Amino acid sequence: MPQPVRLDPVQTAQAAEMLARAFRVDPACTHIFPDEADRMRSMRALWDALIRFSLIYGEVWTTPELAARPAGSSPARETSRCHCGTRRLIRQAEKRLLAS
C-alpha cells in the first residue's frame, strides 16, 4: 500500500480532474448536474476550489500517483488551522464555479 504524501499545489488541477471523474456517476452529482458535460466542468471547478481552500487552511494528502482521494487532514494532527467555517468554503467554491 502506498504511503500518503502531501499534495503538491502544482498537482491541484490533476487532483481535481481525478475527483471529478471519480464522482462523475455519483447519484448526488448526477442529480445536481444532470448534463454530463456541465457536470464535469462544474465538478472540476468545485474540486479545484475545495483543494485550493484545503491547501490554504489545512493539509491535502494523496498517494504519490494521485491514485487515492486527495482530501482530508493528517491523522497525526491534533488541531486544525482551519477557522474558516462552511460559509467561507461555499463562497470560495462559488467564485471558482462562476469563474469557470
N, C-alpha and C. Protein backbone atom coordinates (compact mmCIF):
# COMPACT_ATOMS: atom_id res chain seq x y z
N MET A 1 0.85 -1.19 0.00
CA MET A 1 0.00 0.00 0.00
C MET A 1 0.89 1.24 0.00
N PRO A 2 0.63 2.19 -0.93
CA PRO A 2 1.46 3.40 -0.99
C PRO A 2 1.28 4.27 0.25
N GLN A 3 2.35 4.90 0.65
CA GLN A 3 2.31 5.82 1.79
C GLN A 3 1.73 7.16 1.33
N PRO A 4 0.86 7.77 2.13
CA PRO A 4 0.32 9.07 1.74
C PRO A 4 1.40 10.15 1.76
N VAL A 5 1.24 11.10 0.86
CA VAL A 5 2.13 12.25 0.77
C VAL A 5 1.28 13.50 0.68
N ARG A 6 1.86 14.64 1.03
CA ARG A 6 1.14 15.90 0.86
C ARG A 6 1.04 16.23 -0.62
N LEU A 7 -0.11 16.72 -0.99
CA LEU A 7 -0.33 17.12 -2.37
C LEU A 7 0.50 18.37 -2.67
N ASP A 8 1.23 18.33 -3.75
CA ASP A 8 1.98 19.50 -4.21
C ASP A 8 0.96 20.44 -4.86
N PRO A 9 0.96 21.73 -4.52
CA PRO A 9 -0.01 22.65 -5.10
C PRO A 9 -0.05 22.64 -6.63
N VAL A 10 1.05 22.31 -7.30
CA VAL A 10 1.03 22.27 -8.76
C VAL A 10 0.21 21.09 -9.29
N GLN A 11 -0.16 20.15 -8.41
CA GLN A 11 -0.97 19.00 -8.80
C GLN A 11 -2.47 19.24 -8.60
N THR A 12 -2.85 20.45 -8.23
CA THR A 12 -4.25 20.73 -7.92
C THR A 12 -5.19 20.40 -9.07
N ALA A 13 -4.87 20.85 -10.27
CA ALA A 13 -5.75 20.60 -11.43
C ALA A 13 -5.86 19.11 -11.71
N GLN A 14 -4.75 18.41 -11.60
CA GLN A 14 -4.75 16.96 -11.84
C GLN A 14 -5.61 16.25 -10.79
N ALA A 15 -5.50 16.66 -9.54
CA ALA A 15 -6.30 16.06 -8.47
C ALA A 15 -7.78 16.38 -8.66
N ALA A 16 -8.09 17.61 -9.05
CA ALA A 16 -9.49 18.00 -9.28
C ALA A 16 -10.09 17.19 -10.43
N GLU A 17 -9.33 16.97 -11.46
CA GLU A 17 -9.79 16.15 -12.60
C GLU A 17 -10.06 14.72 -12.15
N MET A 18 -9.16 14.16 -11.37
CA MET A 18 -9.32 12.79 -10.89
C MET A 18 -10.58 12.67 -10.03
N LEU A 19 -10.82 13.62 -9.15
CA LEU A 19 -12.00 13.58 -8.30
C LEU A 19 -13.29 13.80 -9.11
N ALA A 20 -13.25 14.68 -10.08
CA ALA A 20 -14.43 14.89 -10.92
C ALA A 20 -14.80 13.60 -11.65
N ARG A 21 -13.80 12.89 -12.17
CA ARG A 21 -14.07 11.61 -12.84
C ARG A 21 -14.58 10.57 -11.85
N ALA A 22 -14.02 10.56 -10.65
CA ALA A 22 -14.42 9.57 -9.65
C ALA A 22 -15.88 9.74 -9.23
N PHE A 23 -16.34 10.98 -9.17
CA PHE A 23 -17.71 11.25 -8.74
C PHE A 23 -18.66 11.53 -9.90
N ARG A 24 -18.22 11.27 -11.12
CA ARG A 24 -19.00 11.56 -12.33
C ARG A 24 -20.37 10.91 -12.32
N VAL A 25 -20.48 9.70 -11.81
CA VAL A 25 -21.76 8.99 -11.81
C VAL A 25 -22.36 8.88 -10.41
N ASP A 26 -21.84 9.64 -9.48
CA ASP A 26 -22.41 9.65 -8.13
C ASP A 26 -23.85 10.17 -8.20
N PRO A 27 -24.80 9.48 -7.54
CA PRO A 27 -26.20 9.91 -7.65
C PRO A 27 -26.45 11.37 -7.26
N ALA A 28 -25.80 11.84 -6.23
CA ALA A 28 -26.00 13.25 -5.84
C ALA A 28 -25.48 14.19 -6.93
N CYS A 29 -24.35 13.87 -7.51
CA CYS A 29 -23.78 14.72 -8.55
C CYS A 29 -24.61 14.70 -9.82
N THR A 30 -25.13 13.53 -10.19
CA THR A 30 -25.96 13.47 -11.39
C THR A 30 -27.29 14.18 -11.17
N HIS A 31 -27.74 14.23 -9.94
CA HIS A 31 -28.98 14.97 -9.64
C HIS A 31 -28.74 16.48 -9.73
N ILE A 32 -27.64 16.94 -9.16
CA ILE A 32 -27.34 18.38 -9.15
C ILE A 32 -26.95 18.86 -10.54
N PHE A 33 -26.17 18.06 -11.26
CA PHE A 33 -25.71 18.41 -12.61
C PHE A 33 -26.17 17.32 -13.59
N PRO A 34 -27.41 17.36 -14.07
CA PRO A 34 -27.91 16.29 -14.94
C PRO A 34 -27.17 16.17 -16.28
N ASP A 35 -26.72 17.28 -16.84
CA ASP A 35 -25.99 17.24 -18.11
C ASP A 35 -24.54 16.86 -17.82
N GLU A 36 -24.06 15.76 -18.44
CA GLU A 36 -22.73 15.25 -18.11
C GLU A 36 -21.61 16.23 -18.42
N ALA A 37 -21.68 16.92 -19.55
CA ALA A 37 -20.63 17.89 -19.88
C ALA A 37 -20.59 19.01 -18.85
N ASP A 38 -21.76 19.52 -18.49
CA ASP A 38 -21.84 20.56 -17.46
C ASP A 38 -21.38 20.02 -16.11
N ARG A 39 -21.74 18.77 -15.83
CA ARG A 39 -21.36 18.14 -14.56
C ARG A 39 -19.83 18.08 -14.43
N MET A 40 -19.16 17.62 -15.46
CA MET A 40 -17.70 17.50 -15.39
C MET A 40 -17.04 18.88 -15.24
N ARG A 41 -17.50 19.85 -16.00
CA ARG A 41 -16.93 21.20 -15.90
C ARG A 41 -17.14 21.77 -14.51
N SER A 42 -18.35 21.64 -14.00
CA SER A 42 -18.69 22.18 -12.69
C SER A 42 -17.97 21.44 -11.57
N MET A 43 -17.89 20.13 -11.69
CA MET A 43 -17.22 19.36 -10.64
C MET A 43 -15.72 19.60 -10.63
N ARG A 44 -15.12 19.79 -11.81
CA ARG A 44 -13.70 20.14 -11.85
C ARG A 44 -13.46 21.45 -11.11
N ALA A 45 -14.31 22.43 -11.37
CA ALA A 45 -14.17 23.74 -10.71
C ALA A 45 -14.42 23.62 -9.21
N LEU A 46 -15.42 22.84 -8.83
CA LEU A 46 -15.72 22.65 -7.41
C LEU A 46 -14.57 21.97 -6.68
N TRP A 47 -14.09 20.85 -7.23
CA TRP A 47 -12.98 20.15 -6.58
C TRP A 47 -11.72 21.02 -6.56
N ASP A 48 -11.47 21.76 -7.62
CA ASP A 48 -10.31 22.66 -7.65
C ASP A 48 -10.40 23.66 -6.51
N ALA A 49 -11.58 24.26 -6.33
CA ALA A 49 -11.77 25.24 -5.26
C ALA A 49 -11.60 24.59 -3.89
N LEU A 50 -12.16 23.41 -3.71
CA LEU A 50 -12.06 22.74 -2.41
C LEU A 50 -10.62 22.35 -2.09
N ILE A 51 -9.90 21.89 -3.08
CA ILE A 51 -8.50 21.51 -2.86
C ILE A 51 -7.67 22.75 -2.54
N ARG A 52 -7.84 23.81 -3.33
CA ARG A 52 -7.08 25.04 -3.07
C ARG A 52 -7.40 25.61 -1.68
N PHE A 53 -8.65 25.57 -1.32
CA PHE A 53 -9.08 26.04 0.00
C PHE A 53 -8.42 25.19 1.09
N SER A 54 -8.40 23.88 0.89
CA SER A 54 -7.79 22.98 1.86
C SER A 54 -6.29 23.21 1.97
N LEU A 55 -5.65 23.54 0.86
CA LEU A 55 -4.22 23.82 0.89
C LEU A 55 -3.92 25.08 1.70
N ILE A 56 -4.83 26.04 1.67
CA ILE A 56 -4.64 27.29 2.42
C ILE A 56 -4.89 27.07 3.90
N TYR A 57 -5.96 26.37 4.23
CA TYR A 57 -6.40 26.27 5.62
C TYR A 57 -6.14 24.92 6.27
N GLY A 58 -5.40 24.06 5.64
CA GLY A 58 -5.12 22.75 6.22
C GLY A 58 -4.12 22.00 5.39
N GLU A 59 -4.30 20.71 5.29
CA GLU A 59 -3.40 19.86 4.55
C GLU A 59 -4.20 19.01 3.59
N VAL A 60 -3.59 18.67 2.48
CA VAL A 60 -4.22 17.79 1.50
C VAL A 60 -3.26 16.62 1.30
N TRP A 61 -3.77 15.42 1.46
CA TRP A 61 -2.95 14.21 1.35
C TRP A 61 -3.46 13.35 0.21
N THR A 62 -2.54 12.64 -0.42
CA THR A 62 -2.87 11.76 -1.54
C THR A 62 -1.83 10.65 -1.60
N THR A 63 -1.90 9.83 -2.62
CA THR A 63 -0.84 8.87 -2.90
C THR A 63 0.14 9.53 -3.85
N PRO A 64 1.35 9.03 -3.97
CA PRO A 64 2.31 9.66 -4.89
C PRO A 64 1.81 9.74 -6.32
N GLU A 65 0.96 8.80 -6.74
CA GLU A 65 0.47 8.79 -8.12
C GLU A 65 -0.90 9.46 -8.25
N LEU A 66 -1.38 10.10 -7.21
CA LEU A 66 -2.73 10.67 -7.17
C LEU A 66 -3.78 9.60 -7.46
N ALA A 67 -3.56 8.41 -6.94
CA ALA A 67 -4.48 7.30 -7.19
C ALA A 67 -5.56 7.20 -6.12
N ALA A 68 -5.41 7.94 -5.06
CA ALA A 68 -6.39 7.87 -3.97
C ALA A 68 -6.98 9.24 -3.74
N ARG A 69 -7.95 9.31 -2.88
CA ARG A 69 -8.67 10.54 -2.57
C ARG A 69 -7.71 11.61 -2.04
N PRO A 70 -7.50 12.71 -2.77
CA PRO A 70 -6.59 13.74 -2.29
C PRO A 70 -7.29 14.78 -1.43
N ALA A 71 -7.87 14.37 -0.34
CA ALA A 71 -8.53 15.31 0.55
C ALA A 71 -8.46 14.78 1.96
N GLY A 72 -8.65 15.65 2.91
CA GLY A 72 -8.63 15.23 4.30
C GLY A 72 -7.47 15.86 5.03
N SER A 73 -7.40 15.57 6.27
CA SER A 73 -6.32 16.11 7.06
C SER A 73 -5.46 14.99 7.60
N SER A 74 -4.30 15.33 8.01
CA SER A 74 -3.37 14.34 8.54
C SER A 74 -3.94 13.72 9.80
N PRO A 75 -3.93 12.39 9.89
CA PRO A 75 -4.43 11.76 11.11
C PRO A 75 -3.53 12.06 12.30
N ALA A 76 -2.30 12.48 12.06
CA ALA A 76 -1.38 12.77 13.15
C ALA A 76 -1.62 14.14 13.78
N ARG A 77 -2.34 15.00 13.07
CA ARG A 77 -2.58 16.35 13.58
C ARG A 77 -3.67 16.33 14.64
N GLU A 78 -3.42 17.00 15.74
CA GLU A 78 -4.42 17.08 16.79
C GLU A 78 -5.28 18.32 16.65
N THR A 79 -4.76 19.34 16.01
CA THR A 79 -5.52 20.57 15.82
C THR A 79 -5.51 20.95 14.36
N SER A 80 -6.44 21.73 13.97
CA SER A 80 -6.55 22.19 12.59
C SER A 80 -6.32 23.69 12.54
N ARG A 81 -5.71 24.14 11.44
CA ARG A 81 -5.53 25.58 11.25
C ARG A 81 -6.78 26.20 10.68
N CYS A 82 -7.75 25.40 10.32
CA CYS A 82 -8.92 25.92 9.63
C CYS A 82 -9.90 26.55 10.62
N HIS A 83 -10.05 27.84 10.52
CA HIS A 83 -11.03 28.59 11.31
C HIS A 83 -11.95 29.32 10.34
N CYS A 84 -12.25 28.63 9.23
CA CYS A 84 -12.90 29.31 8.13
C CYS A 84 -14.42 29.18 8.15
N GLY A 85 -14.94 28.08 8.54
CA GLY A 85 -16.37 27.89 8.54
C GLY A 85 -16.92 27.52 7.18
N THR A 86 -18.09 26.95 7.21
CA THR A 86 -18.73 26.46 5.99
C THR A 86 -19.09 27.58 5.03
N ARG A 87 -19.54 28.72 5.55
CA ARG A 87 -19.94 29.82 4.67
C ARG A 87 -18.77 30.29 3.80
N ARG A 88 -17.60 30.41 4.39
CA ARG A 88 -16.45 30.86 3.62
C ARG A 88 -16.06 29.82 2.57
N LEU A 89 -16.12 28.55 2.94
CA LEU A 89 -15.82 27.49 2.00
C LEU A 89 -16.77 27.54 0.81
N ILE A 90 -18.05 27.72 1.06
CA ILE A 90 -19.05 27.78 -0.01
C ILE A 90 -18.81 29.00 -0.89
N ARG A 91 -18.49 30.15 -0.30
CA ARG A 91 -18.22 31.35 -1.09
C ARG A 91 -17.04 31.12 -2.03
N GLN A 92 -15.98 30.49 -1.52
CA GLN A 92 -14.81 30.23 -2.36
C GLN A 92 -15.15 29.28 -3.50
N ALA A 93 -15.94 28.24 -3.21
CA ALA A 93 -16.34 27.31 -4.26
C ALA A 93 -17.22 28.01 -5.30
N GLU A 94 -18.13 28.87 -4.85
CA GLU A 94 -18.98 29.61 -5.78
C GLU A 94 -18.15 30.48 -6.71
N LYS A 95 -17.14 31.15 -6.18
CA LYS A 95 -16.28 32.01 -7.01
C LYS A 95 -15.62 31.19 -8.12
N ARG A 96 -15.12 30.00 -7.75
CA ARG A 96 -14.46 29.15 -8.75
C ARG A 96 -15.45 28.65 -9.79
N LEU A 97 -16.66 28.28 -9.36
CA LEU A 97 -17.66 27.80 -10.30
C LEU A 97 -18.09 28.90 -11.27
N LEU A 98 -18.27 30.11 -10.75
CA LEU A 98 -18.68 31.22 -11.61
C LEU A 98 -17.58 31.66 -12.55
N ALA A 99 -16.33 31.46 -12.15
CA ALA A 99 -15.20 31.85 -12.99
C ALA A 99 -14.94 30.85 -14.11
N SER A 100 -15.45 29.62 -13.95
CA SER A 100 -15.14 28.60 -14.98
C SER A 100 -16.09 28.69 -16.16
